[in-house]
Amino acid sequence: MISDMNLSLDGIIYYMVDNVNITSISEYLEGMSINIYDWTLVFAVAFLLLELLNDVVTKRFSQNRFVETLSSLGTQIPYYFSEFFVFSLAVFTYFTIYEYITWKIPSTIEMFLVVLILADLTYYVEHYLLHKIRVLWTVHSVHHSSHMMNTATAFRFSIFDPLASFIFHIPLLLMGFNPMFIFAAEILVLAYQFWLHNEMIGKLGPFEWLFNTPSHHRVHHATNRKYIDKNFGGILIIWDRIFGTFQKEEELPKYGIYPQIKTVNPIKVQFSEFSHLFRDLASSKSLSDVIGYLFKSPGWESSNKKK
């Protein structure tokens, strides 16, 4: 849950939680994380322009690639409206619950580092489930639907992404961590990933053993059979190594989803997988079919349908 509007974010936080004692550490982390995210946006725009220039120089530039880039950026328009309302709800909800928690963990720099690591692990779990549960995949598929990889792909979000993030980070709140620590950590985990969406940066040697890199993330976006459902990490790639979902980049990745969407309309991109899900639900002949289509992996089919 992020916002690139400093005044709006500050206003929401202080308006909704003015009765909460926010320590100087959490205030510092709030400002730091927002500034980092703002500078990340500046970097992303600059790098995208560099990528487009590189496409021209290498003669890869085409109308289709440019329109696809615009389509990715266009998904941000409805996404930011959703982000604003969900983030407002998250701030109110998290701080309200936090007031009733009696096992509050001290807000120290050391504890923020713990929260950052836990937020990165939370992102791994969330990301994994977004791929493995069909109803969640209808949301996350928006991010994977582009058949190309550049910085604009990093902005290709579903309007329901903020809601998923809101829900998955609640366990960190229930552990007793300051909500501001959770928001700041989440912003940093997401901001880190903008530089991962490109084909210009190659492999980075020993850095790749511990951290997520463009090479690792290209694998994650690929449709090559050996690459599917691999490399779910946010900042750290060690979660994939620990849980057996790591795959190094070998052959050239092919990007997109199955079935590949054939539209660049940002609104249609937002909802294309929902139509496929509704079609399968309509064909269901039992409650078990409905449950299967909603909660089993994408691609699952009812045995009734196969008959």
Foldseek 3Di string as FASTA:
>chain_A
DDDLDVVLVVCLQCVQPVVDDDDPLLVVLLVVLSVLLNVLVVVLVVQQVVQQVVCVVVVVDDPVVVLLLVLLLVLLPLQNVLLSVLVSVLSNVLSVVLVVDPQADDDDPVVLVVLLVVLQVLQLVLLLQCQFFQQSVLFVQQLQQRQAFDLSSLSRGASCVSVSSSVSCVVVSNVRYDVSSNVSSNSVLSSVCSQLGHDPDDDDPPVVQWFRHVQQVLLDQAPPPVSDSAQSTRGTSVVCVVVVRHDGHDDHGGTRDVVRDDDSNNVCSNRVSVVVLVVQCVVDDDPVSNCCSGTGGPPDHDPVVVD
